[in-house]
Amino acid sequence: MFTLARRRVRTAALALSAVAALVLGATTATGATGVPAAPAPVKQGPTSVAYIEVNNNSMLNVGKYTLADGGGNAFDVAVIFAANINYDTASKTAYLHFNENVQRVLDNAATQIRPLQQKGIKVLLSVLGNHQGAGFANFPSQQAASAFAAQLSDTVAEYGLDGVDFDDEYAEYGNNGTAQPNDSSFVHLVTALRANMPDKIISLYNIGPAASRLSYGGVDISGKFDYAWNPYYGTWQVPGIALPKAKLSPAAVEIGRTSQSTAADLARRTVDEGYGVYLTYNLDGSDRSADVSAFTRELYGSEAVYTP
C-alpha cells in the first residue's frame, strides 16, 4: 500500500448514493454461508471501507465500531490485505498466493469473516503484486488472464467472500523474464472475473499500470467495477475511471497517521461534493474511536463507538 511519507449535507442525492452503495455488487452473508445476516441498522451516507493489514491486525477490528446515533456499522466494507499474484518460473504462469496470515484468516472464516458478514459488513480479498514480475497487466493471452480469474472466483466461492480488490503495486514487471504491461491483459482479466461472479464486488485501488489500461479492442471495463478509490493517503484525488460518484472515493486516510482534522476535511468534502465512498487503511486493534469519529461525524452525523 502506498502511504504518503505511506456540513454535513443531507441531500436527496446523497441518500440515493447511500442506497446504491449498499446494493452495488453486494452478496449477503446468506448467499455466502447459508446463515442469514442480522440486518444492520440503516444509516445514510457514503460507504466506508477499511483495509486491514492481516499480518499485524485482526479483521474483527472492523466490526468493533458502531455509530452512537442509530447503532449502524461505522464501516461497510472490510478488505483483507493482502493476497498476492506470484509467478511460477517453471511453468511461466501467474498464480494466486496466500501468506500464512492471509491463509489463517481464510481457513478461520467462521470466526474471522462470518462475524463481520453477519453484521452486514462485506469482506473483500485484496490481491497485490509480489516483486516476481507477475501482475494484472502482463498476462500474455486471454486464456492466461481467464485462468487467473478462475483462481480468484474459486477462492471467493470457497471461502464465502464478497468480492475481490485489485491493487497493481509491487509487481516489478520484467522480473523473472516476465513481459512489460500490455493493453489487453487487465481487460481480459476483469471481463472474465465479472463473468465468473456477476453478483460479487470488484473494486479498484486506482494505481499502477493496470489502472490506466481499462479499454481494449472496443471493450471498456470501467463499468464492471463496483468501486474505485484514491490510493494516496491523506489526499483528495478523484480516480480516473468512468464510474458515477456513488462508486468513487477521492478521499483516502490512514488511520493513526492521517490527522483527524484532515480526515474530517476529506469526509466533509466527500459529502459536499456528492461522492459515495470513503476509504481508510490500517485499522489496528487499539481504540481508534477518536480517529474514526473524526470522519463519521461528517459522513453520518454521529460519533463512532468502540466496543472491544
C-alpha atoms as a PDB file:
ATOM      1  CA  MET A   1       0.000   0.000   0.000  1.00  0.00           C
ATOM      2  CA  PHE A   2       1.283   3.421  -0.949  1.00  0.00           C
ATOM      3  CA  THR A   3       1.437   5.813   2.002  1.00  0.00           C
ATOM      4  CA  LEU A   4       2.428   9.448   1.666  1.00  0.00           C
ATOM      5  CA  ALA A   5       5.818   9.985   3.789  1.00  0.00           C
ATOM      6  CA  ARG A   6       2.979   5.996   3.085  1.00  0.00           C
ATOM      7  CA  ARG A   7     -21.766  20.040   6.760  1.00  0.00           C
ATOM      8  CA  ARG A   8     -22.789  17.622   6.984  1.00  0.00           C
ATOM      9  CA  VAL A   9     -25.128  17.899   3.949  1.00  0.00           C
ATOM     10  CA  ARG A  10     -28.118  15.619   3.836  1.00  0.00           C
ATOM     11  CA  THR A  11     -29.419  15.846   0.287  1.00  0.00           C
ATOM     12  CA  ALA A  12     -31.680  13.547  -1.631  1.00  0.00           C
ATOM     13  CA  ALA A  13     -28.779  12.809  -3.974  1.00  0.00           C
ATOM     14  CA  LEU A  14     -26.602  11.627  -1.094  1.00  0.00           C
ATOM     15  CA  ALA A  15     -29.362   9.438   0.250  1.00  0.00           C
ATOM     16  CA  LEU A  16     -29.694   7.847  -3.162  1.00  0.00           C
ATOM     17  CA  SER A  17     -25.915   7.349  -3.279  1.00  0.00           C
ATOM     18  CA  ALA A  18     -26.058   5.605   0.056  1.00  0.00           C
ATOM     19  CA  VAL A  19     -28.775   3.239  -1.097  1.00  0.00           C
ATOM     20  CA  ALA A  20     -26.864   2.498  -4.274  1.00  0.00           C
ATOM     21  CA  ALA A  21     -23.666   1.866  -2.369  1.00  0.00           C
ATOM     22  CA  LEU A  22     -25.385  -0.671  -0.156  1.00  0.00           C
ATOM     23  CA  VAL A  23     -26.502  -2.755  -3.092  1.00  0.00           C
ATOM     24  CA  LEU A  24     -23.598  -2.453  -5.532  1.00  0.00           C
ATOM     25  CA  GLY A  25     -22.422  -5.915  -6.393  1.00  0.00           C
ATOM     26  CA  ALA A  26     -23.389  -6.944  -2.919  1.00  0.00           C
ATOM     27  CA  THR A  27     -23.791 -10.526  -1.782  1.00  0.00           C
ATOM     28  CA  THR A  28     -25.350 -11.125   1.593  1.00  0.00           C
ATOM     29  CA  ALA A  29     -23.904 -13.426   4.200  1.00  0.00           C
ATOM     30  CA  THR A  30     -26.865 -15.674   3.495  1.00  0.00           C
ATOM     31  CA  GLY A  31     -25.597 -16.205  -0.034  1.00  0.00           C
ATOM     32  CA  ALA A  32     -22.089 -16.981   1.170  1.00  0.00           C
ATOM     33  CA  THR A  33     -22.827 -19.137   4.201  1.00  0.00           C
ATOM     34  CA  GLY A  34     -26.476 -20.121   4.251  1.00  0.00           C
ATOM     35  CA  VAL A  35     -26.830 -18.313   7.600  1.00  0.00           C
ATOM     36  CA  PRO A  36     -28.926 -15.140   7.419  1.00  0.00           C
ATOM     37  CA  ALA A  37     -27.142 -11.984   8.443  1.00  0.00           C
ATOM     38  CA  ALA A  38     -28.657  -9.853  11.168  1.00  0.00           C
ATOM     39  CA  PRO A  39     -29.912  -6.721   9.405  1.00  0.00           C
ATOM     40  CA  ALA A  40     -27.622  -3.806  10.153  1.00  0.00           C
ATOM     41  CA  PRO A  41     -29.315  -0.636  11.390  1.00  0.00           C
ATOM     42  CA  VAL A  42     -29.923   1.652   8.434  1.00  0.00           C
ATOM     43  CA  LYS A  43     -27.627   4.616   8.042  1.00  0.00           C
ATOM     44  CA  GLN A  44     -27.450   7.315   5.386  1.00  0.00           C
ATOM     45  CA  GLY A  45     -24.192   8.412   3.862  1.00  0.00           C
ATOM     46  CA  PRO A  46     -21.205   7.117   1.914  1.00  0.00           C
ATOM     47  CA  THR A  47     -19.907   3.569   2.071  1.00  0.00           C
ATOM     48  CA  SER A  48     -16.944   3.368   4.463  1.00  0.00           C
ATOM     49  CA  VAL A  49     -14.112   0.987   3.578  1.00  0.00           C
ATOM     50  CA  ALA A  50     -11.403  -0.380   5.886  1.00  0.00           C
ATOM     51  CA  TYR A  51      -8.284  -2.151   4.669  1.00  0.00           C
ATOM     52  CA  ILE A  52      -6.823  -4.443   7.331  1.00  0.00           C
ATOM     53  CA  GLU A  53      -3.154  -5.466   7.325  1.00  0.00           C
ATOM     54  CA  VAL A  54      -3.724  -9.025   8.491  1.00  0.00           C
ATOM     55  CA  ASN A  55      -0.006  -9.598   9.025  1.00  0.00           C
ATOM     56  CA  ASN A  56      -0.447  -7.445  12.129  1.00  0.00           C
ATOM     57  CA  ASN A  57      -4.138  -6.946  12.831  1.00  0.00           C
ATOM     58  CA  SER A  58      -7.454  -8.783  13.099  1.00  0.00           C
ATOM     59  CA  MET A  59     -10.263  -8.481  10.600  1.00  0.00           C
ATOM     60  CA  LEU A  60     -12.620  -8.398  13.574  1.00  0.00           C
ATOM     61  CA  ASN A  61     -11.463  -4.863  14.364  1.00  0.00           C
ATOM     62  CA  VAL A  62     -13.769  -3.612  11.613  1.00  0.00           C
ATOM     63  CA  GLY A  63     -16.846  -4.846  13.443  1.00  0.00           C
ATOM     64  CA  LYS A  64     -15.974  -3.124  16.707  1.00  0.00           C
ATOM     65  CA  TYR A  65     -17.126   0.326  15.602  1.00  0.00           C
ATOM     66  CA  THR A  66     -20.752   1.431  15.527  1.00  0.00           C
ATOM     67  CA  LEU A  67     -22.468   4.793  15.288  1.00  0.00           C
ATOM     68  CA  ALA A  68     -23.637   6.324  18.556  1.00  0.00           C
ATOM     69  CA  ASP A  69     -26.669   7.693  16.721  1.00  0.00           C
ATOM     70  CA  GLY A  70     -28.637   4.700  15.454  1.00  0.00           C
ATOM     71  CA  GLY A  71     -26.137   1.913  16.064  1.00  0.00           C
ATOM     72  CA  GLY A  72     -25.219   1.273  12.440  1.00  0.00           C
ATOM     73  CA  ASN A  73     -21.818  -0.072  11.430  1.00  0.00           C
ATOM     74  CA  ALA A  74     -19.141   2.586  11.146  1.00  0.00           C
ATOM     75  CA  PHE A  75     -17.619   0.524   8.312  1.00  0.00           C
ATOM     76  CA  ASP A  76     -19.473  -1.164   5.461  1.00  0.00           C
ATOM     77  CA  VAL A  77     -16.640  -2.966   3.670  1.00  0.00           C
ATOM     78  CA  ALA A  78     -13.609  -4.762   5.129  1.00  0.00           C
ATOM     79  CA  VAL A  79     -10.681  -5.655   2.883  1.00  0.00           C
ATOM     80  CA  ILE A  80      -8.257  -8.474   3.676  1.00  0.00           C
ATOM     81  CA  PHE A  81      -4.823  -7.056   2.837  1.00  0.00           C
ATOM     82  CA  ALA A  82      -3.414  -8.894   1.035  1.00  0.00           C
ATOM     83  CA  ALA A  83      -3.126 -11.969  -1.132  1.00  0.00           C
ATOM     84  CA  ASN A  84      -0.513 -11.916  -3.901  1.00  0.00           C
ATOM     85  CA  ILE A  85      -0.143 -12.599  -7.574  1.00  0.00           C
ATOM     86  CA  ASN A  86       3.021 -14.721  -7.772  1.00  0.00           C
ATOM     87  CA  TYR A  87       4.966 -16.201 -10.678  1.00  0.00           C
ATOM     88  CA  ASP A  88       5.932 -19.830 -11.292  1.00  0.00           C
ATOM     89  CA  THR A  89       9.197 -19.683 -13.238  1.00  0.00           C
ATOM     90  CA  ALA A  90       8.986 -23.348 -14.272  1.00  0.00           C
ATOM     91  CA  SER A  91       5.542 -23.162 -15.877  1.00  0.00           C
ATOM     92  CA  LYS A  92       5.826 -19.424 -16.626  1.00  0.00           C
ATOM     93  CA  THR A  93       2.386 -18.773 -15.192  1.00  0.00           C
ATOM     94  CA  ALA A  94       0.919 -16.454 -12.573  1.00  0.00           C
ATOM     95  CA  TYR A  95      -0.828 -17.927  -9.575  1.00  0.00           C
ATOM     96  CA  LEU A  96      -2.714 -16.722  -6.513  1.00  0.00           C
ATOM     97  CA  HIS A  97      -0.696 -16.930  -3.307  1.00  0.00           C
ATOM     98  CA  PHE A  98      -1.637 -16.515   0.354  1.00  0.00           C
ATOM     99  CA  ASN A  99       0.969 -15.879   3.013  1.00  0.00           C
ATOM    100  CA  GLU A 100       0.457 -17.635   6.335  1.00  0.00           C
ATOM    101  CA  ASN A 101      -1.520 -14.748   7.824  1.00  0.00           C
ATOM    102  CA  VAL A 102      -3.925 -14.402   4.917  1.00  0.00           C
ATOM    103  CA  GLN A 103      -4.297 -18.189   4.821  1.00  0.00           C
ATOM    104  CA  ARG A 104      -5.087 -18.190   8.548  1.00  0.00           C
ATOM    105  CA  VAL A 105      -7.900 -15.668   8.036  1.00  0.00           C
ATOM    106  CA  LEU A 106      -9.360 -17.705   5.185  1.00  0.00           C
ATOM    107  CA  ASP A 107      -9.047 -21.021   6.999  1.00  0.00           C
ATOM    108  CA  ASN A 108     -10.778 -19.476  10.008  1.00  0.00           C
ATOM    109  CA  ALA A 109     -13.529 -17.799   8.040  1.00  0.00           C
ATOM    110  CA  ALA A 110     -16.107 -18.955  10.597  1.00  0.00           C
ATOM    111  CA  THR A 111     -14.501 -16.771  13.260  1.00  0.00           C
ATOM    112  CA  GLN A 112     -12.705 -14.089  11.202  1.00  0.00           C
ATOM    113  CA  ILE A 113     -15.051 -13.370   8.297  1.00  0.00           C
ATOM    114  CA  ARG A 114     -18.582 -14.599   9.106  1.00  0.00           C
ATOM    115  CA  PRO A 115     -18.971 -12.388  12.208  1.00  0.00           C
ATOM    116  CA  LEU A 116     -18.446  -9.341  10.004  1.00  0.00           C
ATOM    117  CA  GLN A 117     -20.788 -10.574   7.288  1.00  0.00           C
ATOM    118  CA  GLN A 118     -23.443 -11.336   9.886  1.00  0.00           C
ATOM    119  CA  LYS A 119     -23.273  -7.684  10.910  1.00  0.00           C
ATOM    120  CA  GLY A 120     -23.865  -6.707   7.276  1.00  0.00           C
ATOM    121  CA  ILE A 121     -20.216  -5.864   6.503  1.00  0.00           C
ATOM    122  CA  LYS A 122     -18.891  -7.046   3.134  1.00  0.00           C
ATOM    123  CA  VAL A 123     -15.498  -8.770   3.114  1.00  0.00           C
ATOM    124  CA  LEU A 124     -13.203  -8.496   0.102  1.00  0.00           C
ATOM    125  CA  LEU A 125      -9.837 -10.046  -0.690  1.00  0.00           C
ATOM    126  CA  SER A 126      -7.209  -7.611  -1.942  1.00  0.00           C
ATOM    127  CA  VAL A 127      -4.680  -9.000  -4.423  1.00  0.00           C
ATOM    128  CA  LEU A 128      -1.272  -7.372  -4.715  1.00  0.00           C
ATOM    129  CA  GLY A 129       1.936  -7.863  -6.688  1.00  0.00           C
ATOM    130  CA  ASN A 130       4.852  -9.619  -5.004  1.00  0.00           C
ATOM    131  CA  HIS A 131       8.055  -8.468  -6.748  1.00  0.00           C
ATOM    132  CA  GLN A 132       8.103 -11.524  -9.009  1.00  0.00           C
ATOM    133  CA  GLY A 133       7.198  -9.942 -12.340  1.00  0.00           C
ATOM    134  CA  ALA A 134       3.618 -11.202 -12.428  1.00  0.00           C
ATOM    135  CA  GLY A 135       0.910  -8.559 -12.438  1.00  0.00           C
ATOM    136  CA  PHE A 136      -2.599  -7.893 -13.665  1.00  0.00           C
ATOM    137  CA  ALA A 137      -1.281  -6.003 -16.682  1.00  0.00           C
ATOM    138  CA  ASN A 138       1.055  -8.532 -18.321  1.00  0.00           C
ATOM    139  CA  PHE A 139      -0.905 -11.704 -18.962  1.00  0.00           C
ATOM    140  CA  PRO A 140       0.308 -12.848 -22.377  1.00  0.00           C
ATOM    141  CA  SER A 141      -3.074 -14.119 -23.567  1.00  0.00           C
ATOM    142  CA  GLN A 142      -6.789 -14.077 -22.871  1.00  0.00           C
ATOM    143  CA  GLN A 143      -6.503 -17.707 -21.792  1.00  0.00           C
ATOM    144  CA  ALA A 144      -3.856 -16.890 -19.175  1.00  0.00           C
ATOM    145  CA  ALA A 145      -5.900 -13.975 -17.830  1.00  0.00           C
ATOM    146  CA  SER A 146      -9.018 -16.135 -17.647  1.00  0.00           C
ATOM    147  CA  ALA A 147      -7.125 -18.853 -15.776  1.00  0.00           C
ATOM    148  CA  PHE A 148      -6.113 -16.385 -13.073  1.00  0.00           C
ATOM    149  CA  ALA A 149      -9.649 -15.000 -12.949  1.00  0.00           C
ATOM    150  CA  ALA A 150     -10.835 -18.541 -12.245  1.00  0.00           C
ATOM    151  CA  GLN A 151      -8.422 -18.802  -9.312  1.00  0.00           C
ATOM    152  CA  LEU A 152      -9.856 -15.587  -7.899  1.00  0.00           C
ATOM    153  CA  SER A 153     -13.507 -16.516  -8.300  1.00  0.00           C
ATOM    154  CA  ASP A 154     -12.878 -20.033  -6.956  1.00  0.00           C
ATOM    155  CA  THR A 155     -11.310 -18.501  -3.843  1.00  0.00           C
ATOM    156  CA  VAL A 156     -14.271 -16.172  -3.341  1.00  0.00           C
ATOM    157  CA  ALA A 157     -16.622 -19.136  -3.607  1.00  0.00           C
ATOM    158  CA  GLU A 158     -14.553 -21.464  -1.412  1.00  0.00           C
ATOM    159  CA  TYR A 159     -14.210 -19.050   1.485  1.00  0.00           C
ATOM    160  CA  GLY A 160     -17.550 -17.278   1.168  1.00  0.00           C
ATOM    161  CA  LEU A 161     -16.112 -13.862   0.394  1.00  0.00           C
ATOM    162  CA  ASP A 162     -17.981 -10.896  -1.062  1.00  0.00           C
ATOM    163  CA  GLY A 163     -15.511  -9.966  -3.755  1.00  0.00           C
ATOM    164  CA  VAL A 164     -12.022  -9.040  -4.941  1.00  0.00           C
ATOM    165  CA  ASP A 165      -9.959  -5.858  -4.839  1.00  0.00           C
ATOM    166  CA  PHE A 166      -7.186  -5.192  -7.388  1.00  0.00           C
ATOM    167  CA  ASP A 167      -4.039  -3.371  -6.237  1.00  0.00           C
ATOM    168  CA  ASP A 168      -1.426  -3.200  -9.000  1.00  0.00           C
ATOM    169  CA  GLU A 169       1.646  -2.414  -6.912  1.00  0.00           C
ATOM    170  CA  TYR A 170       4.941  -4.228  -6.374  1.00  0.00           C
ATOM    171  CA  ALA A 171       4.620  -6.482  -9.415  1.00  0.00           C
ATOM    172  CA  GLU A 172       8.022  -5.341 -10.695  1.00  0.00           C
ATOM    173  CA  TYR A 173       7.126  -6.115 -14.281  1.00  0.00           C
ATOM    174  CA  GLY A 174      10.062  -7.670 -16.134  1.00  0.00           C
ATOM    175  CA  ASN A 175      11.432  -9.679 -13.214  1.00  0.00           C
ATOM    176  CA  ASN A 176      11.983 -13.394 -13.915  1.00  0.00           C
ATOM    177  CA  GLY A 177      11.844 -12.690 -17.628  1.00  0.00           C
ATOM    178  CA  THR A 178       8.219 -11.559 -17.490  1.00  0.00           C
ATOM    179  CA  ALA A 179       6.736  -9.154 -20.012  1.00  0.00           C
ATOM    180  CA  GLN A 180       6.032  -5.475 -19.578  1.00  0.00           C
ATOM    181  CA  PRO A 181       2.390  -4.352 -19.258  1.00  0.00           C
ATOM    182  CA  ASN A 182       0.173  -4.680 -22.326  1.00  0.00           C
ATOM    183  CA  ASP A 183      -3.198  -3.149 -23.171  1.00  0.00           C
ATOM    184  CA  SER A 184      -5.290  -6.324 -23.282  1.00  0.00           C
ATOM    185  CA  SER A 185      -4.293  -8.121 -20.062  1.00  0.00           C
ATOM    186  CA  PHE A 186      -6.376  -6.340 -17.417  1.00  0.00           C
ATOM    187  CA  VAL A 187      -9.359  -6.041 -19.743  1.00  0.00           C
ATOM    188  CA  HIS A 188      -9.360  -9.815 -20.270  1.00  0.00           C
ATOM    189  CA  LEU A 189      -8.845 -10.464 -16.549  1.00  0.00           C
ATOM    190  CA  VAL A 190     -11.670  -8.248 -15.283  1.00  0.00           C
ATOM    191  CA  THR A 191     -14.030  -9.339 -18.059  1.00  0.00           C
ATOM    192  CA  ALA A 192     -13.522 -12.994 -17.138  1.00  0.00           C
ATOM    193  CA  LEU A 193     -13.798 -12.324 -13.403  1.00  0.00           C
ATOM    194  CA  ARG A 194     -17.050 -10.404 -13.789  1.00  0.00           C
ATOM    195  CA  ALA A 195     -18.470 -13.218 -15.910  1.00  0.00           C
ATOM    196  CA  ASN A 196     -17.459 -15.719 -13.196  1.00  0.00           C
ATOM    197  CA  MET A 197     -19.002 -13.740 -10.339  1.00  0.00           C
ATOM    198  CA  PRO A 198     -21.687 -11.380 -11.652  1.00  0.00           C
ATOM    199  CA  ASP A 199     -23.131 -10.649  -8.209  1.00  0.00           C
ATOM    200  CA  LYS A 200     -19.908 -10.082  -6.276  1.00  0.00           C
ATOM    201  CA  ILE A 201     -17.929  -6.902  -5.676  1.00  0.00           C
ATOM    202  CA  ILE A 202     -14.919  -5.984  -7.812  1.00  0.00           C
ATOM    203  CA  SER A 203     -13.008  -2.910  -6.662  1.00  0.00           C
ATOM    204  CA  LEU A 204     -10.008  -0.998  -7.966  1.00  0.00           C
ATOM    205  CA  TYR A 205      -7.223   0.520  -5.901  1.00  0.00           C
ATOM    206  CA  ASN A 206      -6.507   3.119  -8.542  1.00  0.00           C
ATOM    207  CA  ILE A 207      -2.769   2.697  -9.031  1.00  0.00           C
ATOM    208  CA  GLY A 208      -0.267   1.020 -11.327  1.00  0.00           C
ATOM    209  CA  PRO A 209      -0.210   0.066 -14.996  1.00  0.00           C
ATOM    210  CA  ALA A 210      -3.463  -1.877 -14.801  1.00  0.00           C
ATOM    211  CA  ALA A 211      -5.424   1.160 -13.615  1.00  0.00           C
ATOM    212  CA  SER A 212      -4.544   3.049 -16.800  1.00  0.00           C
ATOM    213  CA  ARG A 213      -5.387   0.147 -19.114  1.00  0.00           C
ATOM    214  CA  LEU A 214      -9.158  -0.189 -18.830  1.00  0.00           C
ATOM    215  CA  SER A 215     -10.046  -0.342 -22.516  1.00  0.00           C
ATOM    216  CA  TYR A 216      -9.002  -2.670 -25.328  1.00  0.00           C
ATOM    217  CA  GLY A 217     -10.500  -3.860 -28.598  1.00  0.00           C
ATOM    218  CA  GLY A 218     -13.644  -1.824 -28.141  1.00  0.00           C
ATOM    219  CA  VAL A 219     -14.231  -3.184 -24.609  1.00  0.00           C
ATOM    220  CA  ASP A 220     -14.167  -0.744 -21.688  1.00  0.00           C
ATOM    221  CA  ILE A 221     -14.182  -2.469 -18.287  1.00  0.00           C
ATOM    222  CA  SER A 222     -14.815   0.646 -16.203  1.00  0.00           C
ATOM    223  CA  GLY A 223     -18.440  -0.295 -15.660  1.00  0.00           C
ATOM    224  CA  LYS A 224     -17.504  -3.755 -14.420  1.00  0.00           C
ATOM    225  CA  PHE A 225     -16.142  -2.261 -11.184  1.00  0.00           C
ATOM    226  CA  ASP A 226     -18.339  -1.626  -8.177  1.00  0.00           C
ATOM    227  CA  TYR A 227     -15.905   0.802  -6.589  1.00  0.00           C
ATOM    228  CA  ALA A 228     -12.655   2.626  -7.254  1.00  0.00           C
ATOM    229  CA  TRP A 229     -10.619   4.665  -4.799  1.00  0.00           C
ATOM    230  CA  ASN A 230      -7.723   7.049  -4.404  1.00  0.00           C
ATOM    231  CA  PRO A 231      -4.552   5.200  -3.243  1.00  0.00           C
ATOM    232  CA  TYR A 232      -2.721   8.181  -1.719  1.00  0.00           C
ATOM    233  CA  TYR A 233      -3.470   8.573   1.979  1.00  0.00           C
ATOM    234  CA  GLY A 234      -4.125  11.986   3.391  1.00  0.00           C
ATOM    235  CA  THR A 235      -5.076  13.358  -0.033  1.00  0.00           C
ATOM    236  CA  TRP A 236      -8.039  14.045  -2.294  1.00  0.00           C
ATOM    237  CA  GLN A 237      -7.825  12.606  -5.807  1.00  0.00           C
ATOM    238  CA  VAL A 238     -10.751  11.547  -7.966  1.00  0.00           C
ATOM    239  CA  PRO A 239      -9.992   8.125  -9.539  1.00  0.00           C
ATOM    240  CA  GLY A 240      -9.606   8.368 -13.306  1.00  0.00           C
ATOM    241  CA  ILE A 241     -12.289   5.852 -14.178  1.00  0.00           C
ATOM    242  CA  ALA A 242     -15.692   6.328 -15.799  1.00  0.00           C
ATOM    243  CA  LEU A 243     -17.859   5.483 -12.791  1.00  0.00           C
ATOM    244  CA  PRO A 244     -20.598   7.514 -11.126  1.00  0.00           C
ATOM    245  CA  LYS A 245     -19.743   9.455  -7.985  1.00  0.00           C
ATOM    246  CA  ALA A 246     -21.653   6.919  -5.867  1.00  0.00           C
ATOM    247  CA  LYS A 247     -18.925   4.370  -6.639  1.00  0.00           C
ATOM    248  CA  LEU A 248     -15.865   6.573  -6.128  1.00  0.00           C
ATOM    249  CA  SER A 249     -13.684   7.526  -3.171  1.00  0.00           C
ATOM    250  CA  PRO A 250     -11.498  10.553  -3.879  1.00  0.00           C
ATOM    251  CA  ALA A 251     -10.691  10.653  -0.138  1.00  0.00           C
ATOM    252  CA  ALA A 252      -8.176   8.283   1.422  1.00  0.00           C
ATOM    253  CA  VAL A 253      -6.918   8.254   5.011  1.00  0.00           C
ATOM    254  CA  GLU A 254      -4.521   6.119   7.007  1.00  0.00           C
ATOM    255  CA  ILE A 255      -5.954   5.724  10.473  1.00  0.00           C
ATOM    256  CA  GLY A 256      -3.464   6.854  13.080  1.00  0.00           C
ATOM    257  CA  ARG A 257      -1.270   8.699  10.574  1.00  0.00           C
ATOM    258  CA  THR A 258      -3.633  10.995   8.723  1.00  0.00           C
ATOM    259  CA  SER A 259      -4.547  13.773  11.143  1.00  0.00           C
ATOM    260  CA  GLN A 260      -8.081  13.851  12.491  1.00  0.00           C
ATOM    261  CA  SER A 261      -8.574  17.323  11.047  1.00  0.00           C
ATOM    262  CA  THR A 262      -7.565  16.125   7.578  1.00  0.00           C
ATOM    263  CA  ALA A 263      -9.775  13.041   7.879  1.00  0.00           C
ATOM    264  CA  ALA A 264     -12.692  15.309   8.836  1.00  0.00           C
ATOM    265  CA  ASP A 265     -11.998  17.726   5.989  1.00  0.00           C
ATOM    266  CA  LEU A 266     -11.867  14.885   3.453  1.00  0.00           C
ATOM    267  CA  ALA A 267     -15.094  13.404   4.818  1.00  0.00           C
ATOM    268  CA  ARG A 268     -16.837  16.774   4.656  1.00  0.00           C
ATOM    269  CA  ARG A 269     -15.705  17.237   1.083  1.00  0.00           C
ATOM    270  CA  THR A 270     -16.916  13.733   0.223  1.00  0.00           C
ATOM    271  CA  VAL A 271     -20.416  14.658   1.379  1.00  0.00           C
ATOM    272  CA  ASP A 272     -20.393  18.188  -0.008  1.00  0.00           C
ATOM    273  CA  GLU A 273     -19.362  17.001  -3.481  1.00  0.00           C
ATOM    274  CA  GLY A 274     -21.701  14.009  -3.522  1.00  0.00           C
ATOM    275  CA  TYR A 275     -19.244  11.100  -3.593  1.00  0.00           C
ATOM    276  CA  GLY A 276     -20.397   7.730  -2.330  1.00  0.00           C
ATOM    277  CA  VAL A 277     -17.330   6.067  -0.807  1.00  0.00           C
ATOM    278  CA  TYR A 278     -14.747   6.901   1.887  1.00  0.00           C
ATOM    279  CA  LEU A 279     -11.540   4.864   2.075  1.00  0.00           C
ATOM    280  CA  THR A 280      -9.481   4.069   5.165  1.00  0.00           C
ATOM    281  CA  TYR A 281      -6.376   1.978   5.715  1.00  0.00           C
ATOM    282  CA  ASN A 282      -4.629   0.249   8.607  1.00  0.00           C
ATOM    283  CA  LEU A 283      -7.284  -0.002  11.297  1.00  0.00           C
ATOM    284  CA  ASP A 284      -5.462  -1.678  14.178  1.00  0.00           C
ATOM    285  CA  GLY A 285      -6.603  -3.278  17.429  1.00  0.00           C
ATOM    286  CA  SER A 286      -6.402  -0.239  19.676  1.00  0.00           C
ATOM    287  CA  ASP A 287      -9.302   2.071  20.450  1.00  0.00           C
ATOM    288  CA  ARG A 288      -9.352   4.355  17.398  1.00  0.00           C
ATOM    289  CA  SER A 289     -12.776   5.825  18.119  1.00  0.00           C
ATOM    290  CA  ALA A 290     -11.403   9.391  18.088  1.00  0.00           C
ATOM    291  CA  ASP A 291      -9.870   8.865  14.642  1.00  0.00           C
ATOM    292  CA  VAL A 292     -12.974   7.122  13.330  1.00  0.00           C
ATOM    293  CA  SER A 293     -15.325   9.717  14.835  1.00  0.00           C
ATOM    294  CA  ALA A 294     -13.398  12.429  13.013  1.00  0.00           C
ATOM    295  CA  PHE A 295     -14.891  11.203   9.735  1.00  0.00           C
ATOM    296  CA  THR A 296     -18.131   9.551  10.903  1.00  0.00           C
ATOM    297  CA  ARG A 297     -19.322  12.904  12.298  1.00  0.00           C
ATOM    298  CA  GLU A 298     -19.051  14.362   8.805  1.00  0.00           C
ATOM    299  CA  LEU A 299     -20.242  11.303   6.866  1.00  0.00           C
ATOM    300  CA  TYR A 300     -23.114  10.218   9.125  1.00  0.00           C
ATOM    301  CA  GLY A 301     -23.641  12.943  11.734  1.00  0.00           C
ATOM    302  CA  SER A 302     -22.584  10.672  14.568  1.00  0.00           C
ATOM    303  CA  GLU A 303     -19.673   9.790  16.785  1.00  0.00           C
ATOM    304  CA  ALA A 304     -18.221   6.298  16.494  1.00  0.00           C
ATOM    305  CA  VAL A 305     -18.361   3.963  19.481  1.00  0.00           C
ATOM    306  CA  TYR A 306     -15.656   1.323  20.028  1.00  0.00           C
ATOM    307  CA  THR A 307     -16.676  -1.965  21.647  1.00  0.00           C
ATOM    308  CA  PRO A 308     -13.706  -4.272  22.409  1.00  0.00           C
END
